[in-house]
Amino acid sequence: MLLIRLVKRNILVYTRDRSNIFFSLLSMLIIIGLMVVFLGKMNADGVVNLLKQFDDTRDAVTDRANAEQLVILWALAGIVVVNSITITLTMVGIMVEDEAQKKLSSFYVSPVKRSVFVLGYIIAAIVMGILMCTLTVVVGEAYIGITGGTILTLQAMGKTFFYIILNVFTSASMVFLIANFVHSQSAFSGLSTIIGTLVGFLAAIYLPMGMLPEKVQTVLKFFPLVHGCSFLRNLFTEQIMTDTFFNCPQELINGYKEYMGMTIAFQDNAVTEGIKVAFMLISGIIFIGISAILQKKRNVMSR
């Protein structure tokens, strides 16, 4: 089938170019570097100090160990979402490269609908995004297990895989929409740099949600990335949150979860998991719909 061949071709183009893989993972490497250097310690210190203020008789060593694992799991959720953006962005960049090198024009003269070629790029981006994000979770869980932490249950892993698919679908739809406005490799390279820089802020990874100005928080809550991070963070940190905040009042736990972006609230009402999933699905569908309209206009103009 032609579509399968196109998907395979686009995946091979990505995997054969090591620079593609490196730059698509660059944002993740930056986040890991920042976490190792100072962000991880800063966030763990914040948890320990919060617990100490609540009860200064707690075991400081246990609290420190739990806080460090909590921060690692919190960061892992953000890294998965960042990868869903950067990897699909690089995959969609293959379409821009083909257009700049006039390969698309050669494709379009064949007696095949343009939508088939477009689907080839989108499906390849989704497949590669799912594979790389799943690999990220597996490596992260392996590290947590080796260091003595609690790994996810099979049920939680199944839920994680669903969330990865949802994040990758929404991310691929969004970056494909953006790519419709870019027609040169240099422009796409600049765009990739901007997105790679901003994605950590848009997903509230470099700075927790609670550290941002209130108006910025309100704007970010309308970005699918934030909701994608939210339900992954909740899932990854469910057990360690219980261990870390044992004997703490629910108000303290809820406040911390909102501060760290584990929960999203509008006017003190927490957004449910179902609404987050629906928001991401609808966002992805809207992105695809707009992209389809733009592609249709491009078809008319190219006649």
C-alpha atoms as a PDB file:
ATOM      1  CA  MET A   1       0.000   0.000   0.000  1.00  0.00           C
ATOM      2  CA  LEU A   2       1.345   3.421  -0.992  1.00  0.00           C
ATOM      3  CA  LEU A   3       0.501   5.053   2.345  1.00  0.00           C
ATOM      4  CA  ILE A   4       2.477   2.449   4.299  1.00  0.00           C
ATOM      5  CA  ARG A   5       5.458   2.919   1.960  1.00  0.00           C
ATOM      6  CA  LEU A   6       5.323   6.675   2.467  1.00  0.00           C
ATOM      7  CA  VAL A   7       5.192   6.283   6.247  1.00  0.00           C
ATOM      8  CA  LYS A   8       8.143   3.880   6.152  1.00  0.00           C
ATOM      9  CA  ARG A   9      10.085   6.225   3.871  1.00  0.00           C
ATOM     10  CA  ASN A  10       9.573   9.209   6.203  1.00  0.00           C
ATOM     11  CA  ILE A  11      10.585   7.199   9.267  1.00  0.00           C
ATOM     12  CA  LEU A  12      13.742   5.997   7.510  1.00  0.00           C
ATOM     13  CA  VAL A  13      14.629   9.571   6.506  1.00  0.00           C
ATOM     14  CA  TYR A  14      14.399  10.549  10.188  1.00  0.00           C
ATOM     15  CA  THR A  15      16.302   7.600  11.665  1.00  0.00           C
ATOM     16  CA  ARG A  16      19.106   7.588   9.096  1.00  0.00           C
ATOM     17  CA  ASP A  17      20.049  11.191   9.879  1.00  0.00           C
ATOM     18  CA  ARG A  18      21.644  11.244  13.338  1.00  0.00           C
ATOM     19  CA  SER A  19      21.450  15.030  13.460  1.00  0.00           C
ATOM     20  CA  ASN A  20      17.653  14.772  13.148  1.00  0.00           C
ATOM     21  CA  ILE A  21      17.516  12.493  16.179  1.00  0.00           C
ATOM     22  CA  PHE A  22      19.928  14.641  18.186  1.00  0.00           C
ATOM     23  CA  PHE A  23      18.160  17.934  17.593  1.00  0.00           C
ATOM     24  CA  SER A  24      14.728  16.411  18.201  1.00  0.00           C
ATOM     25  CA  LEU A  25      16.007  15.274  21.620  1.00  0.00           C
ATOM     26  CA  LEU A  26      17.979  18.448  22.361  1.00  0.00           C
ATOM     27  CA  SER A  27      15.223  20.044  24.475  1.00  0.00           C
ATOM     28  CA  MET A  28      15.025  16.872  26.557  1.00  0.00           C
ATOM     29  CA  LEU A  29      18.800  16.898  27.082  1.00  0.00           C
ATOM     30  CA  ILE A  30      18.656  20.558  28.139  1.00  0.00           C
ATOM     31  CA  ILE A  31      15.909  19.804  30.669  1.00  0.00           C
ATOM     32  CA  ILE A  32      17.865  16.867  32.090  1.00  0.00           C
ATOM     33  CA  GLY A  33      20.966  19.046  32.323  1.00  0.00           C
ATOM     34  CA  LEU A  34      19.096  21.817  34.136  1.00  0.00           C
ATOM     35  CA  MET A  35      17.515  19.304  36.508  1.00  0.00           C
ATOM     36  CA  VAL A  36      20.885  17.769  37.333  1.00  0.00           C
ATOM     37  CA  VAL A  37      22.634  21.127  37.789  1.00  0.00           C
ATOM     38  CA  PHE A  38      20.154  23.106  39.866  1.00  0.00           C
ATOM     39  CA  LEU A  39      16.417  22.796  39.081  1.00  0.00           C
ATOM     40  CA  GLY A  40      16.119  19.319  40.594  1.00  0.00           C
ATOM     41  CA  LYS A  41      17.807  20.333  43.852  1.00  0.00           C
ATOM     42  CA  MET A  42      15.804  23.560  44.021  1.00  0.00           C
ATOM     43  CA  ASN A  43      12.477  21.735  43.630  1.00  0.00           C
ATOM     44  CA  ALA A  44      13.478  19.005  46.102  1.00  0.00           C
ATOM     45  CA  ASP A  45      14.566  21.651  48.636  1.00  0.00           C
ATOM     46  CA  GLY A  46      11.178  23.301  48.221  1.00  0.00           C
ATOM     47  CA  VAL A  47       9.387  20.055  49.108  1.00  0.00           C
ATOM     48  CA  VAL A  48      11.626  19.375  52.123  1.00  0.00           C
ATOM     49  CA  ASN A  49      11.175  22.914  53.453  1.00  0.00           C
ATOM     50  CA  LEU A  50       7.416  22.697  52.969  1.00  0.00           C
ATOM     51  CA  LEU A  51       7.241  19.464  54.962  1.00  0.00           C
ATOM     52  CA  LYS A  52       9.537  20.853  57.651  1.00  0.00           C
ATOM     53  CA  GLN A  53       7.333  23.913  58.080  1.00  0.00           C
ATOM     54  CA  PHE A  54       4.339  21.644  58.566  1.00  0.00           C
ATOM     55  CA  ASP A  55       6.075  19.288  61.009  1.00  0.00           C
ATOM     56  CA  ASP A  56       9.677  19.824  62.115  1.00  0.00           C
ATOM     57  CA  THR A  57       9.821  16.366  63.757  1.00  0.00           C
ATOM     58  CA  ARG A  58       9.727  14.496  60.443  1.00  0.00           C
ATOM     59  CA  ASP A  59      12.630  12.299  59.294  1.00  0.00           C
ATOM     60  CA  ALA A  60      14.734  14.644  57.168  1.00  0.00           C
ATOM     61  CA  VAL A  61      16.591  11.819  55.378  1.00  0.00           C
ATOM     62  CA  THR A  62      13.382  10.056  54.293  1.00  0.00           C
ATOM     63  CA  ASP A  63      11.783  13.324  53.258  1.00  0.00           C
ATOM     64  CA  ARG A  64      14.830  14.211  51.148  1.00  0.00           C
ATOM     65  CA  ALA A  65      14.823  10.816  49.394  1.00  0.00           C
ATOM     66  CA  ASN A  66      11.090  11.006  48.706  1.00  0.00           C
ATOM     67  CA  ALA A  67      11.347  14.612  47.516  1.00  0.00           C
ATOM     68  CA  GLU A  68      14.131  13.763  45.050  1.00  0.00           C
ATOM     69  CA  GLN A  69      12.156  10.862  43.597  1.00  0.00           C
ATOM     70  CA  LEU A  70       9.053  13.051  43.381  1.00  0.00           C
ATOM     71  CA  VAL A  71      10.957  15.683  41.394  1.00  0.00           C
ATOM     72  CA  ILE A  72      12.427  13.051  39.053  1.00  0.00           C
ATOM     73  CA  LEU A  73       8.989  11.626  38.275  1.00  0.00           C
ATOM     74  CA  TRP A  74       7.543  15.127  37.863  1.00  0.00           C
ATOM     75  CA  ALA A  75      10.324  16.000  35.416  1.00  0.00           C
ATOM     76  CA  LEU A  76       9.935  12.689  33.536  1.00  0.00           C
ATOM     77  CA  ALA A  77       6.303  13.521  32.766  1.00  0.00           C
ATOM     78  CA  GLY A  78       7.359  16.883  31.368  1.00  0.00           C
ATOM     79  CA  ILE A  79      10.132  15.334  29.287  1.00  0.00           C
ATOM     80  CA  VAL A  80       7.654  12.911  27.678  1.00  0.00           C
ATOM     81  CA  VAL A  81       5.414  15.807  26.647  1.00  0.00           C
ATOM     82  CA  VAL A  82       8.375  17.843  25.368  1.00  0.00           C
ATOM     83  CA  ASN A  83       9.502  14.878  23.272  1.00  0.00           C
ATOM     84  CA  SER A  84       6.009  14.534  21.822  1.00  0.00           C
ATOM     85  CA  ILE A  85       6.428  18.065  20.456  1.00  0.00           C
ATOM     86  CA  THR A  86      10.067  18.109  19.361  1.00  0.00           C
ATOM     87  CA  ILE A  87      10.097  14.663  17.732  1.00  0.00           C
ATOM     88  CA  THR A  88       6.890  15.197  15.762  1.00  0.00           C
ATOM     89  CA  LEU A  89       8.144  18.652  14.803  1.00  0.00           C
ATOM     90  CA  THR A  90      11.321  17.149  13.348  1.00  0.00           C
ATOM     91  CA  MET A  91       9.288  14.492  11.531  1.00  0.00           C
ATOM     92  CA  VAL A  92       6.978  17.101  10.001  1.00  0.00           C
ATOM     93  CA  GLY A  93      10.106  19.017   9.039  1.00  0.00           C
ATOM     94  CA  ILE A  94      10.765  16.270   6.495  1.00  0.00           C
ATOM     95  CA  MET A  95       7.733  17.572   4.581  1.00  0.00           C
ATOM     96  CA  VAL A  96       9.163  21.097   4.579  1.00  0.00           C
ATOM     97  CA  GLU A  97      12.507  19.722   3.390  1.00  0.00           C
ATOM     98  CA  ASP A  98      10.820  17.769   0.596  1.00  0.00           C
ATOM     99  CA  GLU A  99       8.944  20.883  -0.460  1.00  0.00           C
ATOM    100  CA  ALA A 100      12.101  23.019  -0.448  1.00  0.00           C
ATOM    101  CA  GLN A 101      13.930  20.411  -2.540  1.00  0.00           C
ATOM    102  CA  LYS A 102      11.002  20.168  -4.978  1.00  0.00           C
ATOM    103  CA  LYS A 103      10.390  16.517  -4.069  1.00  0.00           C
ATOM    104  CA  LEU A 104       6.781  17.259  -3.179  1.00  0.00           C
ATOM    105  CA  SER A 105       6.168  18.607  -6.668  1.00  0.00           C
ATOM    106  CA  SER A 106       7.377  15.289  -8.071  1.00  0.00           C
ATOM    107  CA  PHE A 107       5.059  13.413  -5.706  1.00  0.00           C
ATOM    108  CA  TYR A 108       2.060  15.529  -6.614  1.00  0.00           C
ATOM    109  CA  VAL A 109       2.293  14.893 -10.359  1.00  0.00           C
ATOM    110  CA  SER A 110       1.563  11.213  -9.702  1.00  0.00           C
ATOM    111  CA  PRO A 111      -2.068  10.023  -9.977  1.00  0.00           C
ATOM    112  CA  VAL A 112      -2.456   9.875  -6.198  1.00  0.00           C
ATOM    113  CA  LYS A 113      -4.489  12.187  -3.986  1.00  0.00           C
ATOM    114  CA  ARG A 114      -2.449  14.806  -2.182  1.00  0.00           C
ATOM    115  CA  SER A 115      -4.121  13.779   1.076  1.00  0.00           C
ATOM    116  CA  VAL A 116      -2.310  10.421   0.888  1.00  0.00           C
ATOM    117  CA  PHE A 117       1.087  12.157   0.909  1.00  0.00           C
ATOM    118  CA  VAL A 118      -0.009  14.459   3.736  1.00  0.00           C
ATOM    119  CA  LEU A 119      -1.182  11.457   5.775  1.00  0.00           C
ATOM    120  CA  GLY A 120       2.177   9.810   5.165  1.00  0.00           C
ATOM    121  CA  TYR A 121       3.932  12.654   6.985  1.00  0.00           C
ATOM    122  CA  ILE A 122       1.401  12.890   9.833  1.00  0.00           C
ATOM    123  CA  ILE A 123       1.217   9.141  10.529  1.00  0.00           C
ATOM    124  CA  ALA A 124       5.012   8.822  10.407  1.00  0.00           C
ATOM    125  CA  ALA A 125       5.284  11.682  12.931  1.00  0.00           C
ATOM    126  CA  ILE A 126       2.732  10.042  15.242  1.00  0.00           C
ATOM    127  CA  VAL A 127       4.348   6.588  15.015  1.00  0.00           C
ATOM    128  CA  MET A 128       7.842   7.925  15.679  1.00  0.00           C
ATOM    129  CA  GLY A 129       6.581  10.181  18.459  1.00  0.00           C
ATOM    130  CA  ILE A 130       4.854   7.275  20.225  1.00  0.00           C
ATOM    131  CA  LEU A 131       7.932   5.052  19.922  1.00  0.00           C
ATOM    132  CA  MET A 132      10.366   7.659  21.252  1.00  0.00           C
ATOM    133  CA  CYS A 133       8.080   8.808  24.083  1.00  0.00           C
ATOM    134  CA  THR A 134       7.477   5.195  25.126  1.00  0.00           C
ATOM    135  CA  LEU A 135      11.234   4.594  25.082  1.00  0.00           C
ATOM    136  CA  THR A 136      11.674   7.688  27.268  1.00  0.00           C
ATOM    137  CA  VAL A 137       9.249   6.300  29.855  1.00  0.00           C
ATOM    138  CA  VAL A 138      10.914   2.860  29.801  1.00  0.00           C
ATOM    139  CA  VAL A 139      14.387   4.357  30.330  1.00  0.00           C
ATOM    140  CA  GLY A 140      13.057   6.674  33.053  1.00  0.00           C
ATOM    141  CA  GLU A 141      11.307   3.831  34.863  1.00  0.00           C
ATOM    142  CA  ALA A 142      14.431   1.669  34.597  1.00  0.00           C
ATOM    143  CA  TYR A 143      16.489   4.442  36.219  1.00  0.00           C
ATOM    144  CA  ILE A 144      13.932   4.849  39.009  1.00  0.00           C
ATOM    145  CA  GLY A 145      13.880   1.091  39.622  1.00  0.00           C
ATOM    146  CA  ILE A 146      17.690   0.866  39.715  1.00  0.00           C
ATOM    147  CA  THR A 147      17.906   3.743  42.204  1.00  0.00           C
ATOM    148  CA  GLY A 148      15.432   2.039  44.536  1.00  0.00           C
ATOM    149  CA  GLY A 149      12.274   3.895  43.593  1.00  0.00           C
ATOM    150  CA  THR A 150       8.805   2.503  42.980  1.00  0.00           C
ATOM    151  CA  ILE A 151       8.047   1.764  39.332  1.00  0.00           C
ATOM    152  CA  LEU A 152       4.652   1.992  37.686  1.00  0.00           C
ATOM    153  CA  THR A 153       2.231  -0.922  37.813  1.00  0.00           C
ATOM    154  CA  LEU A 154       1.123  -2.653  34.600  1.00  0.00           C
ATOM    155  CA  GLN A 155      -2.228  -0.870  34.832  1.00  0.00           C
ATOM    156  CA  ALA A 156      -0.487   2.496  35.214  1.00  0.00           C
ATOM    157  CA  MET A 157       1.819   1.662  32.280  1.00  0.00           C
ATOM    158  CA  GLY A 158      -1.229   0.937  30.114  1.00  0.00           C
ATOM    159  CA  LYS A 159      -2.725   4.264  31.092  1.00  0.00           C
ATOM    160  CA  THR A 160       0.613   5.948  30.398  1.00  0.00           C
ATOM    161  CA  PHE A 161       0.657   4.506  26.880  1.00  0.00           C
ATOM    162  CA  PHE A 162      -2.826   5.915  26.239  1.00  0.00           C
ATOM    163  CA  TYR A 163      -1.705   9.337  27.467  1.00  0.00           C
ATOM    164  CA  ILE A 164       1.391   9.150  25.240  1.00  0.00           C
ATOM    165  CA  ILE A 165      -0.786   8.442  22.192  1.00  0.00           C
ATOM    166  CA  LEU A 166      -3.053  11.351  23.108  1.00  0.00           C
ATOM    167  CA  ASN A 167      -0.138  13.761  23.636  1.00  0.00           C
ATOM    168  CA  VAL A 168       1.588  12.720  20.421  1.00  0.00           C
ATOM    169  CA  PHE A 169      -1.637  13.002  18.415  1.00  0.00           C
ATOM    170  CA  THR A 170      -2.302  16.532  19.682  1.00  0.00           C
ATOM    171  CA  SER A 171       1.333  17.579  19.278  1.00  0.00           C
ATOM    172  CA  ALA A 172       1.612  16.187  15.740  1.00  0.00           C
ATOM    173  CA  SER A 173      -1.625  17.936  14.739  1.00  0.00           C
ATOM    174  CA  MET A 174      -0.369  21.226  16.164  1.00  0.00           C
ATOM    175  CA  VAL A 175       3.095  21.149  14.581  1.00  0.00           C
ATOM    176  CA  PHE A 176       1.638  20.077  11.236  1.00  0.00           C
ATOM    177  CA  LEU A 177      -0.628  23.129  11.336  1.00  0.00           C
ATOM    178  CA  ILE A 178       2.389  25.334  12.059  1.00  0.00           C
ATOM    179  CA  ALA A 179       4.378  23.691   9.253  1.00  0.00           C
ATOM    180  CA  ASN A 180       1.715  24.734   6.740  1.00  0.00           C
ATOM    181  CA  PHE A 181       2.978  28.316   7.068  1.00  0.00           C
ATOM    182  CA  VAL A 182       6.652  27.427   6.496  1.00  0.00           C
ATOM    183  CA  HIS A 183       8.062  26.691   3.040  1.00  0.00           C
ATOM    184  CA  SER A 184      11.844  26.837   3.426  1.00  0.00           C
ATOM    185  CA  GLN A 185      14.377  24.876   5.449  1.00  0.00           C
ATOM    186  CA  SER A 186      15.946  27.981   6.956  1.00  0.00           C
ATOM    187  CA  ALA A 187      12.584  29.269   8.170  1.00  0.00           C
ATOM    188  CA  PHE A 188      11.711  25.863   9.605  1.00  0.00           C
ATOM    189  CA  SER A 189      15.083  25.649  11.332  1.00  0.00           C
ATOM    190  CA  GLY A 190      14.442  28.999  12.995  1.00  0.00           C
ATOM    191  CA  LEU A 191      10.945  27.917  13.969  1.00  0.00           C
ATOM    192  CA  SER A 192      12.256  24.677  15.467  1.00  0.00           C
ATOM    193  CA  THR A 193      14.751  26.626  17.558  1.00  0.00           C
ATOM    194  CA  ILE A 194      12.019  28.917  18.893  1.00  0.00           C
ATOM    195  CA  ILE A 195       9.652  26.054  19.690  1.00  0.00           C
ATOM    196  CA  GLY A 196      12.429  23.994  21.266  1.00  0.00           C
ATOM    197  CA  THR A 197      13.270  26.944  23.516  1.00  0.00           C
ATOM    198  CA  LEU A 198       9.695  27.801  24.468  1.00  0.00           C
ATOM    199  CA  VAL A 199       8.324  24.299  24.942  1.00  0.00           C
ATOM    200  CA  GLY A 200       9.886  23.947  28.394  1.00  0.00           C
ATOM    201  CA  PHE A 201       8.172  27.138  29.518  1.00  0.00           C
ATOM    202  CA  LEU A 202       4.851  26.353  27.821  1.00  0.00           C
ATOM    203  CA  ALA A 203       4.765  22.977  29.554  1.00  0.00           C
ATOM    204  CA  ALA A 204       5.696  24.631  32.890  1.00  0.00           C
ATOM    205  CA  ILE A 205       8.875  22.557  33.298  1.00  0.00           C
ATOM    206  CA  TYR A 206      11.629  25.141  33.672  1.00  0.00           C
ATOM    207  CA  LEU A 207       9.488  26.962  36.208  1.00  0.00           C
ATOM    208  CA  PRO A 208       6.585  25.336  38.086  1.00  0.00           C
ATOM    209  CA  MET A 209       3.161  26.729  37.272  1.00  0.00           C
ATOM    210  CA  GLY A 210       2.879  28.438  40.659  1.00  0.00           C
ATOM    211  CA  MET A 211       6.030  30.521  40.085  1.00  0.00           C
ATOM    212  CA  LEU A 212       4.575  32.159  36.974  1.00  0.00           C
ATOM    213  CA  PRO A 213       2.493  35.362  37.063  1.00  0.00           C
ATOM    214  CA  GLU A 214      -1.233  34.711  37.414  1.00  0.00           C
ATOM    215  CA  LYS A 215      -2.064  36.075  33.955  1.00  0.00           C
ATOM    216  CA  VAL A 216       0.594  33.859  32.365  1.00  0.00           C
ATOM    217  CA  GLN A 217      -0.838  30.853  34.220  1.00  0.00           C
ATOM    218  CA  THR A 218      -4.293  31.629  32.860  1.00  0.00           C
ATOM    219  CA  VAL A 219      -2.982  31.787  29.286  1.00  0.00           C
ATOM    220  CA  LEU A 220      -0.998  28.557  29.646  1.00  0.00           C
ATOM    221  CA  LYS A 221      -4.081  26.692  30.869  1.00  0.00           C
ATOM    222  CA  PHE A 222      -5.488  27.013  27.351  1.00  0.00           C
ATOM    223  CA  PHE A 223      -2.460  25.202  25.877  1.00  0.00           C
ATOM    224  CA  PRO A 224      -2.892  21.429  25.354  1.00  0.00           C
ATOM    225  CA  LEU A 225       0.723  20.912  26.486  1.00  0.00           C
ATOM    226  CA  VAL A 226      -0.091  21.930  30.044  1.00  0.00           C
ATOM    227  CA  HIS A 227      -2.985  19.494  30.278  1.00  0.00           C
ATOM    228  CA  GLY A 228      -0.853  16.747  28.738  1.00  0.00           C
ATOM    229  CA  CYS A 229       1.773  17.308  31.423  1.00  0.00           C
ATOM    230  CA  SER A 230      -0.868  17.471  34.125  1.00  0.00           C
ATOM    231  CA  PHE A 231      -2.366  14.026  33.792  1.00  0.00           C
ATOM    232  CA  LEU A 232       1.030  12.381  33.218  1.00  0.00           C
ATOM    233  CA  ARG A 233       2.413  14.087  36.315  1.00  0.00           C
ATOM    234  CA  ASN A 234      -0.569  12.932  38.349  1.00  0.00           C
ATOM    235  CA  LEU A 235      -0.133   9.363  37.155  1.00  0.00           C
ATOM    236  CA  PHE A 236       3.651   9.197  37.609  1.00  0.00           C
ATOM    237  CA  THR A 237       3.670  10.786  41.077  1.00  0.00           C
ATOM    238  CA  GLU A 238       0.557   9.160  42.554  1.00  0.00           C
ATOM    239  CA  GLN A 239       2.410   6.736  44.853  1.00  0.00           C
ATOM    240  CA  ILE A 240       5.370   8.944  45.740  1.00  0.00           C
ATOM    241  CA  MET A 241       2.997  11.819  46.618  1.00  0.00           C
ATOM    242  CA  THR A 242       1.355   9.526  49.168  1.00  0.00           C
ATOM    243  CA  ASP A 243       4.746   8.552  50.601  1.00  0.00           C
ATOM    244  CA  THR A 244       6.102  12.094  50.649  1.00  0.00           C
ATOM    245  CA  PHE A 245       3.079  13.871  52.107  1.00  0.00           C
ATOM    246  CA  PHE A 246       1.940  11.245  54.607  1.00  0.00           C
ATOM    247  CA  ASN A 247       0.090  12.724  57.622  1.00  0.00           C
ATOM    248  CA  CYS A 248      -0.179  16.057  55.790  1.00  0.00           C
ATOM    249  CA  PRO A 249      -3.522  17.873  55.457  1.00  0.00           C
ATOM    250  CA  GLN A 250      -5.290  17.579  52.096  1.00  0.00           C
ATOM    251  CA  GLU A 251      -5.188  21.362  51.676  1.00  0.00           C
ATOM    252  CA  LEU A 252      -1.377  21.255  51.698  1.00  0.00           C
ATOM    253  CA  ILE A 253      -1.295  18.422  49.153  1.00  0.00           C
ATOM    254  CA  ASN A 254      -3.809  20.127  46.852  1.00  0.00           C
ATOM    255  CA  GLY A 255      -1.883  23.392  47.049  1.00  0.00           C
ATOM    256  CA  TYR A 256       1.397  21.707  46.137  1.00  0.00           C
ATOM    257  CA  LYS A 257      -0.160  19.785  43.247  1.00  0.00           C
ATOM    258  CA  GLU A 258      -1.635  22.973  41.798  1.00  0.00           C
ATOM    259  CA  TYR A 259       1.635  24.863  42.323  1.00  0.00           C
ATOM    260  CA  MET A 260       3.572  22.176  40.433  1.00  0.00           C
ATOM    261  CA  GLY A 261       1.029  21.889  37.613  1.00  0.00           C
ATOM    262  CA  MET A 262      -0.178  18.408  38.553  1.00  0.00           C
ATOM    263  CA  THR A 263      -3.700  19.754  38.717  1.00  0.00           C
ATOM    264  CA  ILE A 264      -5.208  22.541  36.624  1.00  0.00           C
ATOM    265  CA  ALA A 265      -7.851  24.727  38.219  1.00  0.00           C
ATOM    266  CA  PHE A 266     -10.143  27.475  36.973  1.00  0.00           C
ATOM    267  CA  GLN A 267     -11.634  29.682  39.690  1.00  0.00           C
ATOM    268  CA  ASP A 268     -10.631  27.133  42.359  1.00  0.00           C
ATOM    269  CA  ASN A 269     -12.368  24.297  40.494  1.00  0.00           C
ATOM    270  CA  ALA A 270     -10.001  21.507  39.447  1.00  0.00           C
ATOM    271  CA  VAL A 271     -10.279  20.347  35.838  1.00  0.00           C
ATOM    272  CA  THR A 272     -11.217  16.660  35.744  1.00  0.00           C
ATOM    273  CA  GLU A 273      -9.229  14.063  33.842  1.00  0.00           C
ATOM    274  CA  GLY A 274     -12.125  13.521  31.409  1.00  0.00           C
ATOM    275  CA  ILE A 275     -12.233  17.215  30.526  1.00  0.00           C
ATOM    276  CA  LYS A 276      -8.458  17.267  29.974  1.00  0.00           C
ATOM    277  CA  VAL A 277      -8.665  14.295  27.606  1.00  0.00           C
ATOM    278  CA  ALA A 278     -11.610  15.829  25.741  1.00  0.00           C
ATOM    279  CA  PHE A 279      -9.808  19.186  25.495  1.00  0.00           C
ATOM    280  CA  MET A 280      -6.729  17.567  23.961  1.00  0.00           C
ATOM    281  CA  LEU A 281      -8.744  15.447  21.526  1.00  0.00           C
ATOM    282  CA  ILE A 282     -10.844  18.410  20.409  1.00  0.00           C
ATOM    283  CA  SER A 283      -7.722  20.582  20.082  1.00  0.00           C
ATOM    284  CA  GLY A 284      -6.055  17.973  17.870  1.00  0.00           C
ATOM    285  CA  ILE A 285      -9.146  17.636  15.692  1.00  0.00           C
ATOM    286  CA  ILE A 286      -9.388  21.421  15.325  1.00  0.00           C
ATOM    287  CA  PHE A 287      -5.708  21.630  14.326  1.00  0.00           C
ATOM    288  CA  ILE A 288      -6.240  18.912  11.706  1.00  0.00           C
ATOM    289  CA  GLY A 289      -9.391  20.650  10.419  1.00  0.00           C
ATOM    290  CA  ILE A 290      -7.585  23.957   9.944  1.00  0.00           C
ATOM    291  CA  SER A 291      -4.666  22.171   8.283  1.00  0.00           C
ATOM    292  CA  ALA A 292      -7.073  20.432   5.893  1.00  0.00           C
ATOM    293  CA  ILE A 293      -8.565  23.796   4.891  1.00  0.00           C
ATOM    294  CA  LEU A 294      -5.091  25.227   4.296  1.00  0.00           C
ATOM    295  CA  GLN A 295      -4.088  22.187   2.241  1.00  0.00           C
ATOM    296  CA  LYS A 296      -7.277  22.500   0.187  1.00  0.00           C
ATOM    297  CA  LYS A 297      -6.508  26.139  -0.573  1.00  0.00           C
ATOM    298  CA  ARG A 298      -2.995  25.138  -1.562  1.00  0.00           C
ATOM    299  CA  ASN A 299      -4.458  22.556  -3.931  1.00  0.00           C
ATOM    300  CA  VAL A 300      -6.617  25.178  -5.611  1.00  0.00           C
ATOM    301  CA  MET A 301      -3.708  27.614  -5.932  1.00  0.00           C
ATOM    302  CA  SER A 302      -1.428  24.999  -7.461  1.00  0.00           C
ATOM    303  CA  ARG A 303      -3.844  24.156 -10.299  1.00  0.00           C
END
